[in-house]
Amino acid sequence: MSSPATPSPANQTVTVFLSPGPETPKLKQAVYKLPGNKTISFVHTCLRRYLAKYRPKNEPIFVFINTGDSIGFSPTPEQTVGDLFDKFSDGKRLTLTYVFKQIYG
């Protein structure tokens, strides 16, 4: 008897927690369930819309992942939340931190 196949990252729904960085406003809703095939570019677009009243239109928003050892990195726009969830989540949710000013070089 075979066990059911584990869904690929692109087919699974992942929980994403959007955490504000220093001097960045909190979102009214911080936890979202997204299809695993959504990209970081999609997250950027949503953040721009949700935070429009707090920043000038063309000012960037930076998204990064803290890898647990105090060193973070900024995922590329084409990376999917499903792949990032599989590599960097705590098993329940993927935490993405957003800021208006770049804090990692």
C-alpha atoms as a PDB file:
ATOM      1  CA  MET A   1       0.000   0.000   0.000  1.00  0.00           C
ATOM      2  CA  SER A   2       1.512   3.340  -0.982  1.00  0.00           C
ATOM      3  CA  SER A   3       1.169   6.511   1.040  1.00  0.00           C
ATOM      4  CA  PRO A   4      -0.407   9.616  -0.481  1.00  0.00           C
ATOM      5  CA  ALA A   5       2.036  11.782  -2.389  1.00  0.00           C
ATOM      6  CA  THR A   6       3.294  14.868  -0.612  1.00  0.00           C
ATOM      7  CA  PRO A   7       2.163  17.942  -2.545  1.00  0.00           C
ATOM      8  CA  SER A   8       4.928  19.765  -4.364  1.00  0.00           C
ATOM      9  CA  PRO A   9       5.679  23.289  -3.088  1.00  0.00           C
ATOM     10  CA  ALA A  10       3.883  24.793  -6.087  1.00  0.00           C
ATOM     11  CA  ASN A  11       0.671  22.863  -5.300  1.00  0.00           C
ATOM     12  CA  GLN A  12       0.552  23.371  -1.551  1.00  0.00           C
ATOM     13  CA  THR A  13      -0.931  26.260   0.387  1.00  0.00           C
ATOM     14  CA  VAL A  14       1.583  27.834   2.742  1.00  0.00           C
ATOM     15  CA  THR A  15       1.141  30.122   5.716  1.00  0.00           C
ATOM     16  CA  VAL A  16       3.168  33.317   5.448  1.00  0.00           C
ATOM     17  CA  PHE A  17       3.733  35.658   8.400  1.00  0.00           C
ATOM     18  CA  LEU A  18       4.664  39.207   7.368  1.00  0.00           C
ATOM     19  CA  SER A  19       6.703  40.767  10.148  1.00  0.00           C
ATOM     20  CA  PRO A  20       7.609  44.477  10.136  1.00  0.00           C
ATOM     21  CA  GLY A  21      11.237  45.421  10.610  1.00  0.00           C
ATOM     22  CA  PRO A  22      12.524  48.445  12.530  1.00  0.00           C
ATOM     23  CA  GLU A  23      10.648  51.687  11.893  1.00  0.00           C
ATOM     24  CA  THR A  24       8.145  49.924   9.631  1.00  0.00           C
ATOM     25  CA  PRO A  25       4.391  49.914  10.341  1.00  0.00           C
ATOM     26  CA  LYS A  26       2.525  46.709  11.139  1.00  0.00           C
ATOM     27  CA  LEU A  27      -0.119  45.357   8.808  1.00  0.00           C
ATOM     28  CA  LYS A  28      -3.673  44.980  10.114  1.00  0.00           C
ATOM     29  CA  GLN A  29      -3.484  41.343   9.012  1.00  0.00           C
ATOM     30  CA  ALA A  30      -0.053  39.759   9.236  1.00  0.00           C
ATOM     31  CA  VAL A  31      -0.757  36.082   8.471  1.00  0.00           C
ATOM     32  CA  TYR A  32      -1.771  34.959   4.985  1.00  0.00           C
ATOM     33  CA  LYS A  33      -2.377  31.613   3.315  1.00  0.00           C
ATOM     34  CA  LEU A  34      -0.894  31.692  -0.178  1.00  0.00           C
ATOM     35  CA  PRO A  35      -0.590  29.139  -2.962  1.00  0.00           C
ATOM     36  CA  GLY A  36       2.959  27.785  -3.009  1.00  0.00           C
ATOM     37  CA  ASN A  37       3.488  28.979  -6.574  1.00  0.00           C
ATOM     38  CA  LYS A  38       3.119  32.681  -5.643  1.00  0.00           C
ATOM     39  CA  THR A  39       6.387  34.554  -5.991  1.00  0.00           C
ATOM     40  CA  ILE A  40       8.179  37.059  -3.797  1.00  0.00           C
ATOM     41  CA  SER A  41       7.325  39.582  -6.520  1.00  0.00           C
ATOM     42  CA  PHE A  42       3.645  38.953  -5.711  1.00  0.00           C
ATOM     43  CA  VAL A  43       4.366  39.561  -2.006  1.00  0.00           C
ATOM     44  CA  HIS A  44       6.151  42.836  -2.909  1.00  0.00           C
ATOM     45  CA  THR A  45       3.133  43.955  -4.942  1.00  0.00           C
ATOM     46  CA  CYS A  46       0.758  43.225  -2.062  1.00  0.00           C
ATOM     47  CA  LEU A  47       2.982  45.007   0.452  1.00  0.00           C
ATOM     48  CA  ARG A  48       3.191  48.084  -1.802  1.00  0.00           C
ATOM     49  CA  ARG A  49      -0.593  48.207  -1.940  1.00  0.00           C
ATOM     50  CA  TYR A  50      -1.144  47.580   1.791  1.00  0.00           C
ATOM     51  CA  LEU A  51       1.524  50.077   2.890  1.00  0.00           C
ATOM     52  CA  ALA A  52       0.885  52.793   0.268  1.00  0.00           C
ATOM     53  CA  LYS A  53      -0.248  55.379   2.804  1.00  0.00           C
ATOM     54  CA  TYR A  54       3.005  55.052   4.780  1.00  0.00           C
ATOM     55  CA  ARG A  55       5.540  55.593   2.015  1.00  0.00           C
ATOM     56  CA  PRO A  56       6.091  57.455  -1.250  1.00  0.00           C
ATOM     57  CA  LYS A  57       4.882  55.607  -4.331  1.00  0.00           C
ATOM     58  CA  ASN A  58       8.298  54.794  -5.793  1.00  0.00           C
ATOM     59  CA  GLU A  59      10.117  54.064  -2.535  1.00  0.00           C
ATOM     60  CA  PRO A  60      11.160  50.406  -2.376  1.00  0.00           C
ATOM     61  CA  ILE A  61      10.080  47.784   0.114  1.00  0.00           C
ATOM     62  CA  PHE A  62      12.668  45.176   1.039  1.00  0.00           C
ATOM     63  CA  VAL A  63      11.699  41.648   2.038  1.00  0.00           C
ATOM     64  CA  PHE A  64      14.110  39.302   3.743  1.00  0.00           C
ATOM     65  CA  ILE A  65      14.266  36.002   5.563  1.00  0.00           C
ATOM     66  CA  ASN A  66      16.117  35.583   8.834  1.00  0.00           C
ATOM     67  CA  THR A  67      17.835  32.216   8.622  1.00  0.00           C
ATOM     68  CA  GLY A  68      18.048  31.807  12.389  1.00  0.00           C
ATOM     69  CA  ASP A  69      21.708  32.666  12.778  1.00  0.00           C
ATOM     70  CA  SER A  70      21.136  36.445  12.744  1.00  0.00           C
ATOM     71  CA  ILE A  71      22.090  36.595   9.087  1.00  0.00           C
ATOM     72  CA  GLY A  72      19.276  37.303   6.709  1.00  0.00           C
ATOM     73  CA  PHE A  73      18.983  37.345   2.977  1.00  0.00           C
ATOM     74  CA  SER A  74      16.650  38.881   0.470  1.00  0.00           C
ATOM     75  CA  PRO A  75      14.989  36.290  -1.764  1.00  0.00           C
ATOM     76  CA  THR A  76      14.874  37.006  -5.483  1.00  0.00           C
ATOM     77  CA  PRO A  77      11.560  38.189  -6.966  1.00  0.00           C
ATOM     78  CA  GLU A  78      11.038  34.927  -8.871  1.00  0.00           C
ATOM     79  CA  GLN A  79      11.462  32.613  -5.869  1.00  0.00           C
ATOM     80  CA  THR A  80       8.204  31.003  -4.789  1.00  0.00           C
ATOM     81  CA  VAL A  81       6.826  31.036  -1.277  1.00  0.00           C
ATOM     82  CA  GLY A  82       6.435  27.249  -1.506  1.00  0.00           C
ATOM     83  CA  ASP A  83      10.150  26.683  -2.109  1.00  0.00           C
ATOM     84  CA  LEU A  84      11.087  29.179   0.603  1.00  0.00           C
ATOM     85  CA  PHE A  85       8.613  27.543   3.002  1.00  0.00           C
ATOM     86  CA  ASP A  86      10.228  24.143   2.439  1.00  0.00           C
ATOM     87  CA  LYS A  87      13.703  25.520   3.148  1.00  0.00           C
ATOM     88  CA  PHE A  88      13.181  28.194   5.818  1.00  0.00           C
ATOM     89  CA  SER A  89       9.866  27.706   7.619  1.00  0.00           C
ATOM     90  CA  ASP A  90       9.467  26.481  11.168  1.00  0.00           C
ATOM     91  CA  GLY A  91       7.201  23.757   9.786  1.00  0.00           C
ATOM     92  CA  LYS A  92       4.065  25.823  10.335  1.00  0.00           C
ATOM     93  CA  ARG A  93       4.741  29.166   8.680  1.00  0.00           C
ATOM     94  CA  LEU A  94       7.264  31.103   6.635  1.00  0.00           C
ATOM     95  CA  THR A  95       8.248  34.400   8.248  1.00  0.00           C
ATOM     96  CA  LEU A  96       9.087  37.241   5.877  1.00  0.00           C
ATOM     97  CA  THR A  97      10.306  40.532   7.326  1.00  0.00           C
ATOM     98  CA  TYR A  98       9.633  43.716   5.387  1.00  0.00           C
ATOM     99  CA  VAL A  99      11.341  47.089   5.763  1.00  0.00           C
ATOM    100  CA  PHE A 100      11.503  50.419   3.928  1.00  0.00           C
ATOM    101  CA  LYS A 101      15.270  50.753   4.270  1.00  0.00           C
ATOM    102  CA  GLN A 102      17.675  47.994   3.308  1.00  0.00           C
ATOM    103  CA  ILE A 103      19.291  46.545   6.433  1.00  0.00           C
ATOM    104  CA  TYR A 104      21.370  43.777   4.868  1.00  0.00           C
ATOM    105  CA  GLY A 105      24.030  44.525   2.265  1.00  0.00           C
END
